[in-house]
Amino acid sequence: MKHESITPKTRDEIKEVFVDGLQRDLSPEEEGLITGWTQTFNKSERATIINMLKELLNKHKKHD
């Protein structure tokens, strides 16, 4: 699969899902981990990961 750089907007969208789920800001170390992790995604993988994270977050919110 062809790997393309994802945009800062995409990285921010993934970061936002984590911030919403954790209900706190990320540490610089955590932000660095997300940046390194998301650099490995192609567009299809990015969309799948974002959808999975949002689904997980929505299920978590329903149980609270």
C-alpha atoms as a PDB file:
ATOM      1  CA  MET A   1       0.000   0.000   0.000  1.00  0.00           C
ATOM      2  CA  LYS A   2       1.163   3.485  -0.752  1.00  0.00           C
ATOM      3  CA  HIS A   3       1.836   5.531   2.358  1.00  0.00           C
ATOM      4  CA  GLU A   4       1.090   9.212   2.102  1.00  0.00           C
ATOM      5  CA  SER A   5       1.795  11.865   4.669  1.00  0.00           C
ATOM      6  CA  ILE A   6      -1.288  12.790   6.581  1.00  0.00           C
ATOM      7  CA  THR A   7      -2.068  16.406   7.175  1.00  0.00           C
ATOM      8  CA  PRO A   8      -1.817  18.190  10.519  1.00  0.00           C
ATOM      9  CA  LYS A   9      -5.634  18.458  10.369  1.00  0.00           C
ATOM     10  CA  THR A  10      -5.894  14.663  10.310  1.00  0.00           C
ATOM     11  CA  ARG A  11      -3.438  14.317  13.156  1.00  0.00           C
ATOM     12  CA  ASP A  12      -5.480  16.896  15.089  1.00  0.00           C
ATOM     13  CA  GLU A  13      -8.652  14.902  14.454  1.00  0.00           C
ATOM     14  CA  ILE A  14      -7.055  11.764  15.892  1.00  0.00           C
ATOM     15  CA  LYS A  15      -5.636  13.758  18.814  1.00  0.00           C
ATOM     16  CA  GLU A  16      -9.092  15.245  19.463  1.00  0.00           C
ATOM     17  CA  VAL A  17     -10.616  11.771  19.796  1.00  0.00           C
ATOM     18  CA  PHE A  18      -8.001  10.897  22.425  1.00  0.00           C
ATOM     19  CA  VAL A  19      -8.522  14.181  24.300  1.00  0.00           C
ATOM     20  CA  ASP A  20     -12.309  13.650  24.300  1.00  0.00           C
ATOM     21  CA  GLY A  21     -11.963  10.082  25.522  1.00  0.00           C
ATOM     22  CA  LEU A  22      -9.360  10.816  28.170  1.00  0.00           C
ATOM     23  CA  GLN A  23     -11.070  14.081  29.157  1.00  0.00           C
ATOM     24  CA  ARG A  24      -7.718  15.821  29.540  1.00  0.00           C
ATOM     25  CA  ASP A  25      -4.976  17.406  27.469  1.00  0.00           C
ATOM     26  CA  LEU A  26      -2.230  15.183  26.154  1.00  0.00           C
ATOM     27  CA  SER A  27       1.301  15.479  27.460  1.00  0.00           C
ATOM     28  CA  PRO A  28       4.054  16.406  25.006  1.00  0.00           C
ATOM     29  CA  GLU A  29       5.228  12.778  25.137  1.00  0.00           C
ATOM     30  CA  GLU A  30       1.740  11.494  24.270  1.00  0.00           C
ATOM     31  CA  GLU A  31       1.428  14.002  21.421  1.00  0.00           C
ATOM     32  CA  GLY A  32       4.791  12.795  20.100  1.00  0.00           C
ATOM     33  CA  LEU A  33       3.603   9.196  20.203  1.00  0.00           C
ATOM     34  CA  ILE A  34       0.456  10.067  18.255  1.00  0.00           C
ATOM     35  CA  THR A  35       2.478  12.002  15.682  1.00  0.00           C
ATOM     36  CA  GLY A  36       4.882   9.092  15.180  1.00  0.00           C
ATOM     37  CA  TRP A  37       2.067   6.562  15.073  1.00  0.00           C
ATOM     38  CA  THR A  38      -0.117   8.482  12.602  1.00  0.00           C
ATOM     39  CA  GLN A  39       2.791   9.057  10.199  1.00  0.00           C
ATOM     40  CA  THR A  40       2.609   5.368   9.325  1.00  0.00           C
ATOM     41  CA  PHE A  41      -1.010   5.545   8.065  1.00  0.00           C
ATOM     42  CA  ASN A  42      -2.163   5.799   4.495  1.00  0.00           C
ATOM     43  CA  LYS A  43      -5.508   7.497   3.791  1.00  0.00           C
ATOM     44  CA  SER A  44      -7.577   4.332   4.073  1.00  0.00           C
ATOM     45  CA  GLU A  45      -5.909   3.257   7.315  1.00  0.00           C
ATOM     46  CA  ARG A  46      -6.330   6.768   8.729  1.00  0.00           C
ATOM     47  CA  ALA A  47     -10.069   6.742   8.013  1.00  0.00           C
ATOM     48  CA  THR A  48     -10.452   3.290   9.559  1.00  0.00           C
ATOM     49  CA  ILE A  49      -8.543   4.262  12.719  1.00  0.00           C
ATOM     50  CA  ILE A  50     -10.507   7.502  13.146  1.00  0.00           C
ATOM     51  CA  ASN A  51     -13.820   5.660  12.737  1.00  0.00           C
ATOM     52  CA  MET A  52     -12.780   2.934  15.180  1.00  0.00           C
ATOM     53  CA  LEU A  53     -11.668   5.471  17.787  1.00  0.00           C
ATOM     54  CA  LYS A  54     -14.893   7.464  17.437  1.00  0.00           C
ATOM     55  CA  GLU A  55     -16.972   4.289  17.742  1.00  0.00           C
ATOM     56  CA  LEU A  56     -15.060   3.284  20.861  1.00  0.00           C
ATOM     57  CA  LEU A  57     -15.492   6.741  22.357  1.00  0.00           C
ATOM     58  CA  ASN A  58     -19.237   6.772  21.627  1.00  0.00           C
ATOM     59  CA  LYS A  59     -19.686   3.362  23.253  1.00  0.00           C
ATOM     60  CA  HIS A  60     -17.697   4.553  26.271  1.00  0.00           C
ATOM     61  CA  LYS A  61     -19.878   7.662  26.617  1.00  0.00           C
ATOM     62  CA  LYS A  62     -23.065   5.573  26.470  1.00  0.00           C
ATOM     63  CA  HIS A  63     -21.908   3.482  29.441  1.00  0.00           C
ATOM     64  CA  ASP A  64     -21.027   6.485  31.630  1.00  0.00           C
END
